[in-house]
């Protein structure tokens, strides 16, 4: 994943800085490149039976090598102002508060629809105090977050993009057959196959989505730095694994959610930034993050064993 982030960001930067392409064009090409990379990796896993760990490990080396080759090992910069703005722009204060209000309204509507549907199906309902208490808690968190961000420059555009993508994929995971297929395959691939799920197609689709999202991350990283470097996205793989496990995703499969993964990513980012602000030496930062990864996986395995 990290090498795909670096490569797609590098492709965007090279096309714009060295070849004069426009911002929209390089974004489309970078996303298409990420999707094709995911398709290629997914083909090896789904249709050739190569373990995903080996395919992605090999891809980490291959795509990092391609990035070094096409960039001649150089830092590619600076990019156009329109591209840089993607990672360095902020919403106006008023727009941030408006989005907060809209989010709270949507949350209230979602809870009401869920209560109504459960009532129609004759299912047990949570107490109103419980549901509305959650709405109140989430609303306070949203307003505090927007208020704190507005004390700086406002809500960052990259954060807005991440939130929108999270909402889309939460919907896919919870409300669509495709999302249920992914959980089923993660939980028990043999049972999923016997139930009629096209395992190969779903796995291939997941890899394409992974490549596409890695490309989006590459665009955001490159625009944020206003440059593409050969080390872009380095070690992001381990950060992603740690974030998912901390957020409740089981490496054994079948358990986890988008929101939990994002919370895990926020925790990892907070630890990373905190250590940097404390001027902790780099080697200690690597040691701490490595220990966090091991402990998180151990906790996941232990909880799975106890549940069994």
Foldseek 3Di string as FASTA:
>chain_A
DLLLLQLLLLQLLCCCQVVNDDNVVSLVVSLVVLLVLLLVLLCCCLVVVDDSVVSVVVVSVVSLVVSCVVVVQDKRDFGDPVLLCQQVPADQLVVLVVVLVVVLVVLVVVLVVVQVVCVVVVHDDDDPCVSVVVSVVVSVVSVVVQVVQVVPPGHGNVVVVLVVVQVVVQCCLPPHPLNVLQLVCFVPVVVSVVVPDPVSVSSSVVSSVVSSVSSVSSSNQCSNVSIRGSCGSPPVVLLQLLLFLQLWQAPSGNIGGSVSSVVSSVVSVCLVVVCVVVVPDPVVVVVVSVVSSVVSNVVRVVVVVVVD
